[in-house]
C-alpha atoms as a PDB file:
ATOM      1  CA  VAL A   1       2.011  -8.989   4.221  1.00  0.00           C
ATOM      2  CA  PHE A   2       0.409  -8.659   7.368  1.00  0.00           C
ATOM      3  CA  GLY A   3       1.191  -6.277  10.474  1.00  0.00           C
ATOM      4  CA  SER A   4       0.248  -2.538  11.079  1.00  0.00           C
ATOM      5  CA  HIS A   5      -1.372  -0.263   8.860  1.00  0.00           C
ATOM      6  CA  SER A   6       1.418   1.740   7.485  1.00  0.00           C
ATOM      7  CA  LEU A   7       3.220  -1.703   6.749  1.00  0.00           C
ATOM      8  CA  GLN A   8       0.172  -3.064   4.831  1.00  0.00           C
ATOM      9  CA  LEU A   9      -0.476   0.440   3.122  1.00  0.00           C
ATOM     10  CA  ALA A  10       3.191   0.309   2.014  1.00  0.00           C
ATOM     11  CA  TYR A  11       2.935  -3.105   0.454  1.00  0.00           C
ATOM     12  CA  LEU A  12      -0.214  -1.975  -1.249  1.00  0.00           C
ATOM     13  CA  GLU A  13       1.130   1.315  -2.827  1.00  0.00           C
ATOM     14  CA  PHE A  14       4.103  -0.652  -4.155  1.00  0.00           C
ATOM     15  CA  LEU A  15       1.717  -3.069  -5.900  1.00  0.00           C
ATOM     16  CA  HIS A  16      -0.180  -0.098  -7.110  1.00  0.00           C
ATOM     17  CA  TRP A  17       2.573   1.479  -8.816  1.00  0.00           C
ATOM     18  CA  ALA A  18       3.743  -1.764 -10.398  1.00  0.00           C
ATOM     19  CA  LEU A  19       0.654  -2.423 -11.892  1.00  0.00           C
ATOM     20  CA  SER A  20       0.385   1.161 -13.212  1.00  0.00           C
ATOM     21  CA  GLN A  21       3.432   0.071 -14.862  1.00  0.00           C
ATOM     22  CA  LEU A  22       2.189  -2.857 -16.845  1.00  0.00           C
ATOM     23  CA  GLN A  23       0.781  -0.843 -19.827  1.00  0.00           C
ATOM     24  CA  GLY A  24       0.738  -3.737 -22.678  1.00  0.00           C
ATOM     25  CA  ALA A  25      -1.655  -6.615 -22.704  1.00  0.00           C
ATOM     26  CA  ARG A  26       1.009  -8.935 -23.220  1.00  0.00           C
ATOM     27  CA  GLN A  27       2.627  -8.318 -19.962  1.00  0.00           C
ATOM     28  CA  LYS A  28      -0.631  -8.609 -18.072  1.00  0.00           C
ATOM     29  CA  SER A  29      -1.267 -11.863 -19.889  1.00  0.00           C
ATOM     30  CA  THR A  30       2.139 -13.435 -19.038  1.00  0.00           C
ATOM     31  CA  LEU A  31       1.462 -12.378 -15.283  1.00  0.00           C
ATOM     32  CA  ALA A  32      -1.939 -13.125 -15.364  1.00  0.00           C
ATOM     33  CA  SER A  33      -1.822 -16.105 -12.741  1.00  0.00           C
ATOM     34  CA  SER A  34       0.066 -14.322 -10.378  1.00  0.00           C
ATOM     35  CA  LEU A  35      -2.088 -11.115 -10.544  1.00  0.00           C
ATOM     36  CA  ARG A  36      -5.190 -13.310  -9.793  1.00  0.00           C
ATOM     37  CA  ARG A  37      -3.512 -15.067  -6.707  1.00  0.00           C
ATOM     38  CA  ILE A  38      -2.466 -11.383  -5.424  1.00  0.00           C
ATOM     39  CA  GLY A  39      -6.139 -10.174  -5.730  1.00  0.00           C
ATOM     40  CA  ASP A  40      -7.597 -13.162  -4.325  1.00  0.00           C
ATOM     41  CA  GLN A  41      -5.218 -12.686  -0.803  1.00  0.00           C
ATOM     42  CA  LEU A  42      -6.129  -9.080  -0.716  1.00  0.00           C
ATOM     43  CA  TYR A  43      -9.632  -9.854  -1.319  1.00  0.00           C
ATOM     44  CA  SER A  44     -10.016 -12.556   1.167  1.00  0.00           C
ATOM     45  CA  PRO A  45      -6.743 -12.564   3.644  1.00  0.00           C
ATOM     46  CA  LEU A  46      -5.283 -16.053   3.972  1.00  0.00           C
ATOM     47  CA  GLY A  47      -6.253 -15.840   7.883  1.00  0.00           C
ATOM     48  CA  MET A  48      -9.881 -16.187   7.004  1.00  0.00           C
ATOM     49  CA  ARG A  49      -9.674 -18.896   4.744  1.00  0.00           C
ATOM     50  CA  GLN A  50      -9.796 -21.758   7.679  1.00  0.00           C
ATOM     51  CA  GLU A  51     -11.072 -24.441   5.055  1.00  0.00           C
ATOM     52  CA  SER A  52      -7.502 -24.063   3.442  1.00  0.00           C
ATOM     53  CA  LEU A  53      -5.362 -24.180   6.697  1.00  0.00           C
ATOM     54  CA  ASN A  54      -3.821 -27.354   7.809  1.00  0.00           C
ATOM     55  CA  PRO A  55      -4.362 -27.955  11.570  1.00  0.00           C
ATOM     56  CA  THR A  56      -1.755 -30.388  12.163  1.00  0.00           C
ATOM     57  CA  SER A  57       1.477 -28.829  11.799  1.00  0.00           C
ATOM     58  CA  GLY A  58       3.351 -25.851  13.014  1.00  0.00           C
ATOM     59  CA  THR A  59       2.578 -23.776   9.934  1.00  0.00           C
ATOM     60  CA  SER A  60      -0.407 -23.766   7.851  1.00  0.00           C
ATOM     61  CA  THR A  61      -0.708 -23.749   4.095  1.00  0.00           C
ATOM     62  CA  PHE A  62      -2.962 -22.099   1.437  1.00  0.00           C
ATOM     63  CA  PRO A  63      -2.724 -23.902  -1.280  1.00  0.00           C
ATOM     64  CA  ASP A  64      -2.198 -21.838  -5.084  1.00  0.00           C
ATOM     65  CA  SER A  65      -5.470 -20.813  -6.577  1.00  0.00           C
ATOM     66  CA  SER A  66      -4.097 -22.627  -9.858  1.00  0.00           C
ATOM     67  CA  SER A  67      -3.348 -25.886  -8.162  1.00  0.00           C
ATOM     68  CA  THR A  68      -6.352 -27.420  -9.809  1.00  0.00           C
ATOM     69  CA  THR A  69      -4.711 -27.128 -13.475  1.00  0.00           C
ATOM     70  CA  SER A  70      -0.992 -27.634 -11.916  1.00  0.00           C
ATOM     71  CA  SER A  71      -0.062 -29.941  -9.305  1.00  0.00           C
ATOM     72  CA  LYS A  72       3.280 -28.780  -8.862  1.00  0.00           C
ATOM     73  CA  SER A  73       2.231 -25.416  -7.820  1.00  0.00           C
ATOM     74  CA  PRO A  74       3.968 -24.539  -4.116  1.00  0.00           C
ATOM     75  CA  ALA A  75       2.036 -24.031  -1.276  1.00  0.00           C
ATOM     76  CA  VAL A  76       2.385 -20.354   0.662  1.00  0.00           C
ATOM     77  CA  ALA A  77       3.622 -21.196   4.272  1.00  0.00           C
ATOM     78  CA  LEU A  78       1.648 -18.988   7.070  1.00  0.00           C
ATOM     79  CA  PRO A  79       3.071 -18.504  10.646  1.00  0.00           C
ATOM     80  CA  SER A  80       1.196 -19.829  13.185  1.00  0.00           C
ATOM     81  CA  SER A  81       0.342 -16.930  14.707  1.00  0.00           C
ATOM     82  CA  ILE A  82      -1.744 -15.637  11.786  1.00  0.00           C
ATOM     83  CA  SER A  83      -3.134 -19.135  10.896  1.00  0.00           C
ATOM     84  CA  SER A  84      -4.339 -19.881  14.243  1.00  0.00           C
ATOM     85  CA  GLY A  85      -6.309 -16.810  14.366  1.00  0.00           C
ATOM     86  CA  SER A  86     -10.319 -16.950  13.593  1.00  0.00           C
ATOM     87  CA  SER A  87      -9.937 -13.901  11.266  1.00  0.00           C
ATOM     88  CA  CYS A  88      -7.294 -11.363   9.628  1.00  0.00           C
ATOM     89  CA  ALA A  89      -8.528  -7.933   9.590  1.00  0.00           C
ATOM     90  CA  CYS A  90      -6.442  -6.902   6.859  1.00  0.00           C
ATOM     91  CA  TYR A  91      -6.535  -5.285   3.496  1.00  0.00           C
ATOM     92  CA  THR A  92     -10.198  -5.156   1.984  1.00  0.00           C
ATOM     93  CA  ARG A  93     -11.254  -5.926   5.652  1.00  0.00           C
ATOM     94  CA  SER A  94      -8.866  -3.470   7.404  1.00  0.00           C
ATOM     95  CA  ALA A  95     -10.395  -0.913   9.989  1.00  0.00           C
ATOM     96  CA  ASP A  96      -8.338   1.562   8.130  1.00  0.00           C
ATOM     97  CA  LEU A  97      -9.934   3.385   5.317  1.00  0.00           C
ATOM     98  CA  GLU A  98      -7.069   4.153   3.157  1.00  0.00           C
ATOM     99  CA  VAL A  99      -5.950   0.552   3.487  1.00  0.00           C
ATOM    100  CA  ARG A 100      -9.163  -0.561   2.592  1.00  0.00           C
ATOM    101  CA  VAL A 101      -9.563   1.867  -0.532  1.00  0.00           C
ATOM    102  CA  VAL A 102      -6.510   1.139  -2.175  1.00  0.00           C
ATOM    103  CA  SER A 103      -6.794  -2.500  -1.579  1.00  0.00           C
ATOM    104  CA  GLY A 104      -9.942  -2.408  -3.434  1.00  0.00           C
ATOM    105  CA  LEU A 105      -8.287  -0.715  -6.235  1.00  0.00           C
ATOM    106  CA  VAL A 106      -5.757  -3.225  -6.570  1.00  0.00           C
ATOM    107  CA  VAL A 107      -8.282  -6.127  -6.214  1.00  0.00           C
ATOM    108  CA  LEU A 108     -10.146  -4.608  -9.194  1.00  0.00           C
ATOM    109  CA  ARG A 109      -7.281  -4.615 -11.333  1.00  0.00           C
ATOM    110  CA  THR A 110      -6.205  -8.156 -10.694  1.00  0.00           C
ATOM    111  CA  VAL A 111      -9.191 -10.527 -10.012  1.00  0.00           C
ATOM    112  CA  VAL A 112     -11.581 -11.680 -12.600  1.00  0.00           C
ATOM    113  CA  GLN A 113     -14.493 -13.328 -10.833  1.00  0.00           C
ATOM    114  CA  VAL A 114     -17.573 -10.947 -11.266  1.00  0.00           C
ATOM    115  CA  ASP A 115     -18.874 -11.768  -7.790  1.00  0.00           C
ATOM    116  CA  GLN A 116     -15.366 -10.561  -6.074  1.00  0.00           C
ATOM    117  CA  LEU A 117     -15.482  -7.399  -8.419  1.00  0.00           C
ATOM    118  CA  ALA A 118     -19.104  -6.646  -7.489  1.00  0.00           C
ATOM    119  CA  HIS A 119     -18.527  -6.673  -3.951  1.00  0.00           C
ATOM    120  CA  THR A 120     -15.498  -4.833  -4.289  1.00  0.00           C
ATOM    121  CA  LEU A 121     -17.378  -2.234  -6.042  1.00  0.00           C
ATOM    122  CA  GLU A 122     -20.141  -2.113  -3.314  1.00  0.00           C
ATOM    123  CA  ALA A 123     -17.729  -1.871  -0.357  1.00  0.00           C
ATOM    124  CA  LEU A 124     -15.647   1.116  -2.098  1.00  0.00           C
ATOM    125  CA  LYS A 125     -19.265   3.015  -2.730  1.00  0.00           C
ATOM    126  CA  GLU A 126     -19.872   2.608   1.042  1.00  0.00           C
ATOM    127  CA  ASP A 127     -16.100   3.979   1.642  1.00  0.00           C
ATOM    128  CA  LEU A 128     -16.429   6.759  -0.575  1.00  0.00           C
ATOM    129  CA  ARG A 129     -19.163   8.288   1.573  1.00  0.00           C
ATOM    130  CA  GLU A 130     -16.013   9.707   3.684  1.00  0.00           C
ATOM    131  CA  ASP A 131     -14.186  12.646   1.982  1.00  0.00           C
ATOM    132  CA  MET A 132     -10.974  10.537   2.998  1.00  0.00           C
ATOM    133  CA  GLY A 133     -12.312   7.815   1.027  1.00  0.00           C
ATOM    134  CA  LYS A 134     -12.608   9.854  -2.169  1.00  0.00           C
ATOM    135  CA  GLU A 135      -9.263  11.382  -1.509  1.00  0.00           C
ATOM    136  CA  VAL A 136      -7.634   8.260  -1.475  1.00  0.00           C
ATOM    137  CA  PHE A 137      -9.589   7.029  -4.315  1.00  0.00           C
ATOM    138  CA  LEU A 138      -8.860   9.959  -6.509  1.00  0.00           C
ATOM    139  CA  SER A 139      -5.271  10.179  -5.790  1.00  0.00           C
ATOM    140  CA  HIS A 140      -4.840   6.669  -6.942  1.00  0.00           C
ATOM    141  CA  ARG A 141      -6.608   7.467 -10.390  1.00  0.00           C
ATOM    142  CA  GLY A 142      -9.662   5.381  -9.326  1.00  0.00           C
ATOM    143  CA  VAL A 143     -11.858   6.735 -11.975  1.00  0.00           C
ATOM    144  CA  GLU A 144      -9.448   5.391 -14.595  1.00  0.00           C
ATOM    145  CA  THR A 145      -9.532   1.750 -12.581  1.00  0.00           C
ATOM    146  CA  LEU A 146     -13.202   1.818 -12.739  1.00  0.00           C
ATOM    147  CA  LEU A 147     -13.929   2.726 -16.450  1.00  0.00           C
ATOM    148  CA  PRO A 148     -13.229  -0.791 -18.304  1.00  0.00           C
ATOM    149  CA  PHE A 149     -16.162  -1.915 -16.275  1.00  0.00           C
ATOM    150  CA  LEU A 150     -18.469   0.879 -17.301  1.00  0.00           C
ATOM    151  CA  ARG A 151     -19.612  -0.991 -20.393  1.00  0.00           C
ATOM    152  CA  ALA A 152     -22.913  -2.509 -21.680  1.00  0.00           C
ATOM    153  CA  SER A 153     -21.119  -5.753 -22.181  1.00  0.00           C
ATOM    154  CA  ASN A 154     -20.594  -5.777 -18.309  1.00  0.00           C
ATOM    155  CA  LYS A 155     -24.069  -6.150 -17.028  1.00  0.00           C
ATOM    156  CA  GLY A 156     -23.219  -7.508 -13.648  1.00  0.00           C
ATOM    157  CA  LEU A 157     -20.877  -4.397 -12.882  1.00  0.00           C
ATOM    158  CA  CYS A 158     -21.924  -1.554 -14.782  1.00  0.00           C
ATOM    159  CA  GLY A 159     -24.550  -0.323 -12.230  1.00  0.00           C
ATOM    160  CA  HIS A 160     -21.895  -0.671  -9.593  1.00  0.00           C
ATOM    161  CA  VAL A 161     -19.483   1.705 -11.386  1.00  0.00           C
ATOM    162  CA  ALA A 162     -22.041   4.053 -12.188  1.00  0.00           C
ATOM    163  CA  ASP A 163     -23.111   4.166  -8.339  1.00  0.00           C
ATOM    164  CA  VAL A 164     -19.600   4.754  -7.445  1.00  0.00           C
ATOM    165  CA  TYR A 165     -19.166   7.262  -9.915  1.00  0.00           C
ATOM    166  CA  LEU A 166     -22.567   9.163  -8.652  1.00  0.00           C
ATOM    167  CA  GLN A 167     -21.227   8.931  -4.993  1.00  0.00           C
ATOM    168  CA  LEU A 168     -18.178  10.962  -6.267  1.00  0.00           C
ATOM    169  CA  SER A 169     -20.188  13.398  -8.311  1.00  0.00           C
ATOM    170  CA  MET A 170     -21.970  14.762  -4.626  1.00  0.00           C
ATOM    171  CA  GLU A 171     -21.528  18.245  -3.649  1.00  0.00           C
ATOM    172  CA  THR A 172     -18.476  18.273  -1.845  1.00  0.00           C
ATOM    173  CA  ALA A 173     -15.192  19.773  -1.742  1.00  0.00           C
ATOM    174  CA  LEU A 174     -13.544  16.970  -3.922  1.00  0.00           C
ATOM    175  CA  LEU A 175     -16.092  17.237  -6.926  1.00  0.00           C
ATOM    176  CA  PRO A 176     -13.796  19.490  -8.964  1.00  0.00           C
ATOM    177  CA  GLN A 177     -11.011  16.970  -8.553  1.00  0.00           C
ATOM    178  CA  PHE A 178     -13.416  14.324  -9.535  1.00  0.00           C
ATOM    179  CA  LEU A 179     -14.749  16.040 -12.622  1.00  0.00           C
ATOM    180  CA  ARG A 180     -11.337  16.722 -13.794  1.00  0.00           C
ATOM    181  CA  ALA A 181     -10.382  12.781 -13.396  1.00  0.00           C
ATOM    182  CA  CYS A 182     -13.427  12.466 -16.161  1.00  0.00           C
ATOM    183  CA  CYS A 183     -11.918  14.920 -18.591  1.00  0.00           C
ATOM    184  CA  SER A 184     -10.455  12.418 -20.703  1.00  0.00           C
ATOM    185  CA  GLU A 185     -11.167  11.168 -24.032  1.00  0.00           C
ATOM    186  CA  GLN A 186     -11.177   7.636 -22.863  1.00  0.00           C
ATOM    187  CA  TRP A 187     -14.085   8.486 -20.475  1.00  0.00           C
ATOM    188  CA  PHE A 188     -16.142  10.322 -22.750  1.00  0.00           C
ATOM    189  CA  ALA A 189     -15.850   7.509 -25.386  1.00  0.00           C
ATOM    190  CA  VAL A 190     -17.340   5.086 -23.066  1.00  0.00           C
ATOM    191  CA  ALA A 191     -20.075   7.656 -22.006  1.00  0.00           C
ATOM    192  CA  ALA A 192     -20.584   8.002 -25.624  1.00  0.00           C
ATOM    193  CA  SER A 193     -20.828   4.168 -25.945  1.00  0.00           C
ATOM    194  CA  LEU A 194     -23.345   3.569 -23.287  1.00  0.00           C
ATOM    195  CA  LEU A 195     -25.858   6.236 -24.983  1.00  0.00           C
ATOM    196  CA  ARG A 196     -25.487   4.466 -28.361  1.00  0.00           C
ATOM    197  CA  ASP A 197     -25.938   1.334 -26.641  1.00  0.00           C
ATOM    198  CA  GLY A 198     -28.804   2.534 -24.482  1.00  0.00           C
ATOM    199  CA  ALA A 199     -30.636   3.679 -27.654  1.00  0.00           C
ATOM    200  CA  SER A 200     -30.391   0.448 -29.566  1.00  0.00           C
ATOM    201  CA  SER A 201     -30.790  -2.025 -26.773  1.00  0.00           C
ATOM    202  CA  THR A 202     -33.625  -2.319 -24.066  1.00  0.00           C
ATOM    203  CA  SER A 203     -30.988  -4.627 -21.898  1.00  0.00           C
ATOM    204  CA  LEU A 204     -29.025  -1.839 -20.541  1.00  0.00           C
ATOM    205  CA  ASP A 205     -30.417  -0.384 -17.165  1.00  0.00           C
ATOM    206  CA  HIS A 206     -32.013   3.162 -17.731  1.00  0.00           C
ATOM    207  CA  LYS A 207     -30.560   4.169 -14.294  1.00  0.00           C
ATOM    208  CA  VAL A 208     -26.937   3.619 -15.385  1.00  0.00           C
ATOM    209  CA  LEU A 209     -27.728   5.995 -18.182  1.00  0.00           C
ATOM    210  CA  GLU A 210     -29.365   8.462 -15.684  1.00  0.00           C
ATOM    211  CA  LYS A 211     -26.195   8.635 -13.260  1.00  0.00           C
ATOM    212  CA  VAL A 212     -23.841   9.252 -16.450  1.00  0.00           C
ATOM    213  CA  SER A 213     -26.056  11.656 -17.543  1.00  0.00           C
ATOM    214  CA  ILE A 214     -25.601  13.579 -14.416  1.00  0.00           C
ATOM    215  CA  ILE A 215     -21.765  13.679 -14.556  1.00  0.00           C
ATOM    216  CA  LEU A 216     -22.103  14.880 -18.217  1.00  0.00           C
ATOM    217  CA  GLN A 217     -24.342  17.586 -17.410  1.00  0.00           C
ATOM    218  CA  ARG A 218     -21.989  19.039 -14.728  1.00  0.00           C
ATOM    219  CA  LEU A 219     -19.190  18.584 -17.325  1.00  0.00           C
ATOM    220  CA  SER A 220     -20.849  20.542 -19.722  1.00  0.00           C
ATOM    221  CA  LYS A 221     -21.000  23.422 -17.897  1.00  0.00           C
ATOM    222  CA  SER A 222     -17.514  24.090 -18.349  1.00  0.00           C
ATOM    223  CA  LYS A 223     -16.347  25.469 -21.773  1.00  0.00           C
ATOM    224  CA  SER A 224     -12.899  24.295 -21.428  1.00  0.00           C
ATOM    225  CA  ASN A 225     -14.425  20.659 -21.659  1.00  0.00           C
ATOM    226  CA  ARG A 226     -16.039  21.463 -25.143  1.00  0.00           C
ATOM    227  CA  PHE A 227     -13.068  19.648 -27.128  1.00  0.00           C
ATOM    228  CA  LEU A 228     -13.893  16.510 -25.384  1.00  0.00           C
ATOM    229  CA  PHE A 229     -17.522  16.535 -26.415  1.00  0.00           C
ATOM    230  CA  GLU A 230     -16.596  17.118 -29.512  1.00  0.00           C
ATOM    231  CA  SER A 231     -13.874  14.424 -29.658  1.00  0.00           C
ATOM    232  CA  VAL A 232     -16.409  11.992 -29.573  1.00  0.00           C
ATOM    233  CA  HIS A 233     -19.353  13.598 -31.286  1.00  0.00           C
ATOM    234  CA  LEU A 234     -21.304  13.575 -27.987  1.00  0.00           C
ATOM    235  CA  ALA A 235     -23.787  16.171 -29.007  1.00  0.00           C
ATOM    236  CA  SER A 236     -24.900  14.270 -32.102  1.00  0.00           C
ATOM    237  CA  VAL A 237     -24.783  10.866 -30.235  1.00  0.00           C
ATOM    238  CA  ILE A 238     -27.461  12.791 -27.731  1.00  0.00           C
ATOM    239  CA  GLU A 239     -29.691  13.779 -30.422  1.00  0.00           C
ATOM    240  CA  GLU A 240     -29.710  10.551 -32.057  1.00  0.00           C
ATOM    241  CA  PHE A 241     -30.306   8.859 -28.783  1.00  0.00           C
ATOM    242  CA  LEU A 242     -33.442  11.273 -28.219  1.00  0.00           C
ATOM    243  CA  ARG A 243     -34.581  10.509 -31.664  1.00  0.00           C
ATOM    244  CA  SER A 244     -34.248   6.718 -31.974  1.00  0.00           C
ATOM    245  CA  ALA A 245     -34.929   5.504 -28.277  1.00  0.00           C
ATOM    246  CA  ALA A 246     -37.593   3.228 -27.512  1.00  0.00           C
ATOM    247  CA  ALA A 247     -40.549   5.432 -26.705  1.00  0.00           C
ATOM    248  CA  PRO A 248     -41.262   3.933 -23.263  1.00  0.00           C
ATOM    249  CA  LEU A 249     -37.831   4.405 -22.300  1.00  0.00           C
ATOM    250  CA  ILE A 250     -38.078   8.142 -22.928  1.00  0.00           C
ATOM    251  CA  SER A 251     -41.688   8.401 -21.561  1.00  0.00           C
ATOM    252  CA  ASP A 252     -40.537   6.579 -18.498  1.00  0.00           C
ATOM    253  CA  ASN A 253     -37.063   8.245 -17.751  1.00  0.00           C
ATOM    254  CA  GLN A 254     -38.175  11.981 -17.738  1.00  0.00           C
ATOM    255  CA  PHE A 255     -35.094  12.631 -15.480  1.00  0.00           C
ATOM    256  CA  LEU A 256     -32.795  11.329 -18.050  1.00  0.00           C
ATOM    257  CA  VAL A 257     -34.224  13.379 -20.997  1.00  0.00           C
ATOM    258  CA  ALA A 258     -34.372  16.625 -18.976  1.00  0.00           C
ATOM    259  CA  ASN A 259     -30.620  15.850 -18.271  1.00  0.00           C
ATOM    260  CA  LEU A 260     -29.769  15.201 -21.774  1.00  0.00           C
ATOM    261  CA  HIS A 261     -31.585  18.170 -23.045  1.00  0.00           C
ATOM    262  CA  SER A 262     -29.624  20.363 -20.487  1.00  0.00           C
ATOM    263  CA  ILE A 263     -26.276  19.095 -21.765  1.00  0.00           C
ATOM    264  CA  LEU A 264     -27.350  19.919 -25.273  1.00  0.00           C
ATOM    265  CA  SER A 265     -28.222  23.409 -24.197  1.00  0.00           C
ATOM    266  CA  ASN A 266     -25.102  24.060 -22.318  1.00  0.00           C
ATOM    267  CA  LEU A 267     -22.934  23.047 -25.325  1.00  0.00           C
ATOM    268  CA  ALA A 268     -24.914  25.094 -27.458  1.00  0.00           C
ATOM    269  CA  MET A 269     -24.717  28.014 -25.411  1.00  0.00           C
ATOM    270  CA  GLY A 270     -20.824  27.198 -25.173  1.00  0.00           C
ATOM    271  CA  TRP A 271     -20.525  27.247 -28.878  1.00  0.00           C
ATOM    272  CA  SER A 272     -22.738  30.060 -29.285  1.00  0.00           C
ATOM    273  CA  SER A 273     -20.332  32.115 -27.156  1.00  0.00           C
ATOM    274  CA  SER A 274     -17.369  30.754 -28.577  1.00  0.00           C
ATOM    275  CA  SER A 275     -18.399  31.812 -32.076  1.00  0.00           C
ATOM    276  CA  SER A 276     -19.585  35.405 -30.763  1.00  0.00           C
ATOM    277  CA  SER A 277     -16.166  35.827 -29.550  1.00  0.00           C
ATOM    278  CA  THR A 278     -14.177  34.739 -32.693  1.00  0.00           C
ATOM    279  CA  THR A 279     -16.919  36.841 -34.701  1.00  0.00           C
ATOM    280  CA  ALA A 280     -16.154  39.931 -32.305  1.00  0.00           C
ATOM    281  CA  ALA A 281     -12.294  39.350 -32.450  1.00  0.00           C
ATOM    282  CA  THR A 282     -12.478  38.928 -36.294  1.00  0.00           C
ATOM    283  CA  ASN A 283     -14.507  42.482 -36.456  1.00  0.00           C
ATOM    284  CA  LYS A 284     -12.307  44.307 -34.172  1.00  0.00           C
ATOM    285  CA  GLN A 285      -9.048  43.067 -36.507  1.00  0.00           C
ATOM    286  CA  ALA A 286     -10.807  44.214 -39.595  1.00  0.00           C
ATOM    287  CA  MET A 287     -11.730  47.536 -37.908  1.00  0.00           C
ATOM    288  CA  ARG A 288      -8.179  47.882 -37.216  1.00  0.00           C
ATOM    289  CA  THR A 289      -7.069  47.440 -41.098  1.00  0.00           C
END
């Protein structure tokens, strides 16, 4: 789908909605080839792939990305008006910020090549410098979309995701919305897993832990988030990290250590306040009886 920004956006919104309905891994596995092809075409619009065009016909064709494994895969016919152009400023290369951000989120849910994923995350980080980019990202559940890549096993992508989250954690009018998006057991479970991996392995970039700790520190200031910290035993995980992490990691990353201590302090204050309130309520009830 080429054309105006509004037409591209309508197509992207439909794709984004359809992807959100694919809950089961079985459904995604069945459609894996089709999803990858969609992601490839959004990442590199067909008009830009000059090497894939056939200049001898009125229309040009772009072979199916799976053609190396299946000779029967049909080609996609492109209008000559598109194929004759030297570029295609659409989707991830659109001049429209909203189109770029939604395209990027769809690409992240469809492609599998690490270099494409890394480039898309880097482009998202740049677009999120603007409040409009942040708003589009958050309204399309971007925090949830990026979460699967925030794992120690994804060495090539983990740092990029942390950079995007850090961009969103800056002091702007949209910060509360971002923090609310992080308030899920899944997000806290991933954060706890990173700290466990960071304590037992030196392969995880400490900068990733620093950026995640900034977000956790902000979240720990709200008493309403206490149950999320408790759900993954995050206070215990932090204490264990501070005890067992390699000495060089601790000594070289005082910012990380300070943030972790601040989180523990905020949680302790919250628990102490909650305990005091409970005790006061109990005493008041006892006085009435």
